[in-house]
C-alpha atoms as a PDB file:
ATOM      1  CA  MET A   1      87.269 120.217 118.057  1.00  0.00           C
ATOM      2  CA  LYS A   2      91.029 120.978 118.381  1.00  0.00           C
ATOM      3  CA  ILE A   3      93.746 120.990 116.122  1.00  0.00           C
ATOM      4  CA  ILE A   4      95.372 118.551 117.892  1.00  0.00           C
ATOM      5  CA  ASP A   5      92.205 116.136 117.480  1.00  0.00           C
ATOM      6  CA  ARG A   6      91.729 116.716 114.190  1.00  0.00           C
ATOM      7  CA  TYR A   7      95.614 116.153 113.622  1.00  0.00           C
ATOM      8  CA  ILE A   8      95.669 112.674 115.298  1.00  0.00           C
ATOM      9  CA  LEU A   9      92.505 111.398 113.578  1.00  0.00           C
ATOM     10  CA  LYS A  10      93.510 112.200 110.421  1.00  0.00           C
ATOM     11  CA  SER A  11      96.973 110.367 111.104  1.00  0.00           C
ATOM     12  CA  HIS A  12      94.674 107.618 112.730  1.00  0.00           C
ATOM     13  CA  LEU A  13      92.185 107.464 109.387  1.00  0.00           C
ATOM     14  CA  LEU A  14      95.290 106.199 107.052  1.00  0.00           C
ATOM     15  CA  PRO A  15      96.310 103.172 109.023  1.00  0.00           C
ATOM     16  CA  PHE A  16      92.844 102.468 109.885  1.00  0.00           C
ATOM     17  CA  GLY A  17      91.912 102.142 106.376  1.00  0.00           C
ATOM     18  CA  TYR A  18      95.132 100.060 105.552  1.00  0.00           C
ATOM     19  CA  ALA A  19      94.945  97.748 108.031  1.00  0.00           C
ATOM     20  CA  PHE A  20      90.705  97.415 107.681  1.00  0.00           C
ATOM     21  CA  LEU A  21      91.850  96.331 103.719  1.00  0.00           C
ATOM     22  CA  ILE A  22      94.528  93.773 104.655  1.00  0.00           C
ATOM     23  CA  ILE A  23      92.050  92.188 107.370  1.00  0.00           C
ATOM     24  CA  VAL A  24      89.475  91.934 105.602  1.00  0.00           C
ATOM     25  CA  PHE A  25      91.373  90.411 102.419  1.00  0.00           C
ATOM     26  CA  ILE A  26      93.190  87.935 104.650  1.00  0.00           C
ATOM     27  CA  LEU A  27      89.894  87.181 105.686  1.00  0.00           C
ATOM     28  CA  ILE A  28      88.646  86.683 102.552  1.00  0.00           C
ATOM     29  CA  LEU A  29      91.390  84.465 101.424  1.00  0.00           C
ATOM     30  CA  GLN A  30      90.933  82.481 104.665  1.00  0.00           C
ATOM     31  CA  PHE A  31      87.474  81.811 103.861  1.00  0.00           C
ATOM     32  CA  PHE A  32      88.219  81.063  99.592  1.00  0.00           C
ATOM     33  CA  THR A  33      90.928  78.634 100.695  1.00  0.00           C
ATOM     34  CA  VAL A  34      88.475  76.518 102.873  1.00  0.00           C
ATOM     35  CA  PHE A  35      85.282  76.637 100.430  1.00  0.00           C
ATOM     36  CA  ALA A  36      87.493  76.547  96.893  1.00  0.00           C
ATOM     37  CA  GLU A  37      87.475  73.062  96.711  1.00  0.00           C
ATOM     38  CA  ARG A  38      84.308  72.823  97.420  1.00  0.00           C
ATOM     39  CA  PHE A  39      83.090  75.293  94.598  1.00  0.00           C
ATOM     40  CA  ILE A  40      85.444  75.090  91.965  1.00  0.00           C
ATOM     41  CA  GLY A  41      84.970  73.028  88.950  1.00  0.00           C
ATOM     42  CA  LYS A  42      81.468  71.336  90.047  1.00  0.00           C
ATOM     43  CA  GLY A  43      79.737  73.693  87.330  1.00  0.00           C
ATOM     44  CA  ILE A  44      79.208  76.205  89.756  1.00  0.00           C
ATOM     45  CA  GLY A  45      78.745  79.754  88.332  1.00  0.00           C
ATOM     46  CA  PHE A  46      80.882  82.418  88.454  1.00  0.00           C
ATOM     47  CA  SER A  47      78.534  84.653  89.605  1.00  0.00           C
ATOM     48  CA  THR A  48      77.447  82.776  92.367  1.00  0.00           C
ATOM     49  CA  ILE A  49      80.716  82.343  93.487  1.00  0.00           C
ATOM     50  CA  ILE A  50      80.957  85.904  93.830  1.00  0.00           C
ATOM     51  CA  GLU A  51      78.053  86.481  95.617  1.00  0.00           C
ATOM     52  CA  LEU A  52      79.008  83.768  98.114  1.00  0.00           C
ATOM     53  CA  ILE A  53      81.951  85.834  98.817  1.00  0.00           C
ATOM     54  CA  LEU A  54      80.516  88.645  98.816  1.00  0.00           C
ATOM     55  CA  LEU A  55      77.508  87.572 101.291  1.00  0.00           C
ATOM     56  CA  GLN A  56      80.168  86.037 103.611  1.00  0.00           C
ATOM     57  CA  SER A  57      82.651  88.940 103.592  1.00  0.00           C
ATOM     58  CA  VAL A  58      79.865  90.546 105.503  1.00  0.00           C
ATOM     59  CA  TRP A  59      80.817  89.121 108.762  1.00  0.00           C
ATOM     60  CA  MET A  60      84.167  89.564 108.097  1.00  0.00           C
ATOM     61  CA  ILE A  61      83.960  93.425 108.042  1.00  0.00           C
ATOM     62  CA  GLY A  62      81.990  93.253 111.463  1.00  0.00           C
ATOM     63  CA  LEU A  63      85.729  91.264 112.865  1.00  0.00           C
ATOM     64  CA  ALA A  64      87.894  93.345 110.584  1.00  0.00           C
ATOM     65  CA  VAL A  65      86.848  96.874 112.562  1.00  0.00           C
ATOM     66  CA  PRO A  66      88.047  96.051 115.915  1.00  0.00           C
ATOM     67  CA  MET A  67      91.669  94.467 114.779  1.00  0.00           C
ATOM     68  CA  ALA A  68      92.008  97.688 112.245  1.00  0.00           C
ATOM     69  CA  VAL A  69      91.049 100.546 114.979  1.00  0.00           C
ATOM     70  CA  LEU A  70      93.842  98.254 117.242  1.00  0.00           C
ATOM     71  CA  VAL A  71      96.358  98.404 114.526  1.00  0.00           C
ATOM     72  CA  ALA A  72      95.827 101.996 113.865  1.00  0.00           C
ATOM     73  CA  THR A  73      96.403 102.912 117.064  1.00  0.00           C
ATOM     74  CA  VAL A  74      99.238 101.279 117.372  1.00  0.00           C
ATOM     75  CA  LEU A  75     100.869 102.343 114.252  1.00  0.00           C
ATOM     76  CA  THR A  76      99.517 105.962 115.171  1.00  0.00           C
ATOM     77  CA  PHE A  77     100.811 106.738 118.221  1.00  0.00           C
ATOM     78  CA  ALA A  78     104.058 104.693 117.131  1.00  0.00           C
ATOM     79  CA  ALA A  79     104.514 106.958 114.662  1.00  0.00           C
ATOM     80  CA  LEU A  80     103.874 110.455 116.731  1.00  0.00           C
ATOM     81  CA  THR A  81     106.380 108.847 119.233  1.00  0.00           C
ATOM     82  CA  THR A  82     108.976 108.346 116.395  1.00  0.00           C
ATOM     83  CA  THR A  83     109.058 111.857 114.667  1.00  0.00           C
ATOM     84  CA  SER A  84     108.831 113.218 118.543  1.00  0.00           C
ATOM     85  CA  GLU A  85     105.936 114.753 118.131  1.00  0.00           C
ATOM     86  CA  MET A  86     105.119 112.689 120.987  1.00  0.00           C
ATOM     87  CA  THR A  87     107.982 114.542 123.218  1.00  0.00           C
ATOM     88  CA  VAL A  88     106.748 117.957 121.578  1.00  0.00           C
ATOM     89  CA  PHE A  89     103.333 117.197 123.073  1.00  0.00           C
ATOM     90  CA  ARG A  90     104.281 116.092 126.472  1.00  0.00           C
ATOM     91  CA  ALA A  91     106.734 119.004 126.529  1.00  0.00           C
ATOM     92  CA  SER A  92     103.875 121.784 125.625  1.00  0.00           C
ATOM     93  CA  GLY A  93     101.552 120.461 128.694  1.00  0.00           C
ATOM     94  CA  ILE A  94      99.774 117.997 126.694  1.00  0.00           C
ATOM     95  CA  SER A  95      98.683 115.124 128.552  1.00  0.00           C
ATOM     96  CA  LEU A  96      99.209 111.318 126.705  1.00  0.00           C
ATOM     97  CA  TYR A  97      95.141 110.643 128.078  1.00  0.00           C
ATOM     98  CA  ARG A  98      94.280 114.295 126.390  1.00  0.00           C
ATOM     99  CA  LEU A  99      96.188 112.779 123.152  1.00  0.00           C
ATOM    100  CA  MET A 100      94.161 109.605 123.308  1.00  0.00           C
ATOM    101  CA  ALA A 101      90.491 111.446 123.692  1.00  0.00           C
ATOM    102  CA  PRO A 102      89.857 111.594 119.886  1.00  0.00           C
ATOM    103  CA  VAL A 103      91.075 108.319 119.514  1.00  0.00           C
ATOM    104  CA  LEU A 104      88.777 107.117 122.604  1.00  0.00           C
ATOM    105  CA  VAL A 105      85.595 108.925 121.505  1.00  0.00           C
ATOM    106  CA  ALA A 106      86.134 107.769 117.627  1.00  0.00           C
ATOM    107  CA  GLY A 107      86.558 104.248 119.028  1.00  0.00           C
ATOM    108  CA  LEU A 108      83.485 104.560 120.931  1.00  0.00           C
ATOM    109  CA  VAL A 109      81.382 105.948 118.043  1.00  0.00           C
ATOM    110  CA  LEU A 110      82.584 103.055 115.790  1.00  0.00           C
ATOM    111  CA  SER A 111      81.894 100.421 118.286  1.00  0.00           C
ATOM    112  CA  GLY A 112      78.503 101.497 118.615  1.00  0.00           C
ATOM    113  CA  LEU A 113      77.835 101.524 115.031  1.00  0.00           C
ATOM    114  CA  VAL A 114      80.140  98.167 114.717  1.00  0.00           C
ATOM    115  CA  GLU A 115      77.412  96.848 117.593  1.00  0.00           C
ATOM    116  CA  ARG A 116      74.186  97.737 115.231  1.00  0.00           C
ATOM    117  CA  PHE A 117      76.112  96.510 111.839  1.00  0.00           C
ATOM    118  CA  ASN A 118      76.816  93.094 113.752  1.00  0.00           C
ATOM    119  CA  ASN A 119      72.643  93.504 115.189  1.00  0.00           C
ATOM    120  CA  VAL A 120      71.076  93.837 111.889  1.00  0.00           C
ATOM    121  CA  VAL A 121      73.370  93.536 108.921  1.00  0.00           C
ATOM    122  CA  ILE A 122      75.273  90.014 109.478  1.00  0.00           C
ATOM    123  CA  PRO A 123      72.210  87.956 110.887  1.00  0.00           C
ATOM    124  CA  VAL A 124      70.320  88.908 107.310  1.00  0.00           C
ATOM    125  CA  SER A 125      73.438  88.508 105.256  1.00  0.00           C
ATOM    126  CA  ASN A 126      74.219  84.863 107.225  1.00  0.00           C
ATOM    127  CA  TYR A 127      70.687  83.851 106.189  1.00  0.00           C
ATOM    128  CA  TYR A 128      71.261  84.633 102.377  1.00  0.00           C
ATOM    129  CA  ALA A 129      74.825  83.346 102.049  1.00  0.00           C
ATOM    130  CA  GLN A 130      73.215  79.706 103.859  1.00  0.00           C
ATOM    131  CA  SER A 131      70.431  79.645 101.828  1.00  0.00           C
ATOM    132  CA  LEU A 132      72.733  80.261  99.016  1.00  0.00           C
ATOM    133  CA  MET A 133      74.886  77.239  99.933  1.00  0.00           C
ATOM    134  CA  LEU A 134      71.966  75.245 100.541  1.00  0.00           C
ATOM    135  CA  GLU A 135      70.478  75.516  97.239  1.00  0.00           C
ATOM    136  CA  VAL A 136      73.831  74.863  95.283  1.00  0.00           C
ATOM    137  CA  ALA A 137      73.921  72.138  97.457  1.00  0.00           C
ATOM    138  CA  ARG A 138      70.494  70.990  96.438  1.00  0.00           C
ATOM    139  CA  THR A 139      71.193  72.029  92.565  1.00  0.00           C
ATOM    140  CA  LYS A 140      74.757  70.368  92.670  1.00  0.00           C
ATOM    141  CA  PRO A 141      74.612  67.647  95.204  1.00  0.00           C
ATOM    142  CA  ASP A 142      78.245  66.589  95.331  1.00  0.00           C
ATOM    143  CA  VAL A 143      79.227  70.045  96.077  1.00  0.00           C
ATOM    144  CA  GLY A 144      77.852  69.969  99.760  1.00  0.00           C
ATOM    145  CA  LEU A 145      79.687  66.721 100.373  1.00  0.00           C
ATOM    146  CA  THR A 146      83.346  66.397 101.635  1.00  0.00           C
ATOM    147  CA  GLU A 147      85.407  63.453 101.686  1.00  0.00           C
ATOM    148  CA  ASN A 148      85.977  61.398 104.934  1.00  0.00           C
ATOM    149  CA  ALA A 149      83.627  63.775 107.279  1.00  0.00           C
ATOM    150  CA  PHE A 150      80.063  63.864 107.845  1.00  0.00           C
ATOM    151  CA  SER A 151      77.697  66.452 105.743  1.00  0.00           C
ATOM    152  CA  LYS A 152      75.273  67.953 106.810  1.00  0.00           C
ATOM    153  CA  LEU A 153      72.956  68.790 104.139  1.00  0.00           C
ATOM    154  CA  VAL A 154      69.563  68.434 105.279  1.00  0.00           C
ATOM    155  CA  ASP A 155      68.155  69.260 108.792  1.00  0.00           C
ATOM    156  CA  GLY A 156      68.175  66.299 110.747  1.00  0.00           C
ATOM    157  CA  TYR A 157      70.233  63.962 108.316  1.00  0.00           C
ATOM    158  CA  SER A 158      74.361  63.534 108.217  1.00  0.00           C
ATOM    159  CA  ILE A 159      76.231  61.798 105.493  1.00  0.00           C
ATOM    160  CA  PHE A 160      79.619  60.085 105.448  1.00  0.00           C
ATOM    161  CA  VAL A 161      81.261  60.355 102.453  1.00  0.00           C
ATOM    162  CA  ARG A 162      84.483  57.892 102.279  1.00  0.00           C
ATOM    163  CA  ASP A 163      85.172  58.833  98.883  1.00  0.00           C
ATOM    164  CA  SER A 164      83.968  60.270  95.769  1.00  0.00           C
ATOM    165  CA  ASN A 165      84.916  60.321  92.028  1.00  0.00           C
END
């Protein structure tokens, strides 16, 4: 691996980490705002809520990685352009395609890993999250109900709740 490849990958790593953490945080906040009303104040333990958030955050990882790669790539090459390093590389005879090669290879490797993650880990996590939500709905029946909407707690049955106390 050449020095330029290591430099570009190292420049790419920090924006990727920040973008990944921010995107996962936003997705967790979105999940929490959707389900907070359903779980808070219903007598569900804090550990159960944390377990549910952790189980649900697994699919968020599979969604956040491609977005983080995109953001990191744009930020990395924008930083190279801003600091005139792109001009120096071009003046040295290094093409843009050569500069993109390490990011493309890293992206291909990462996409293979994410594909494997999406096919193996996420289905198991979704199964356990669904099981936990059904268990909570069975022990605390009012948890699974939402006002002015049909709620499907058990397969084959839907319940419409106009108002709940």
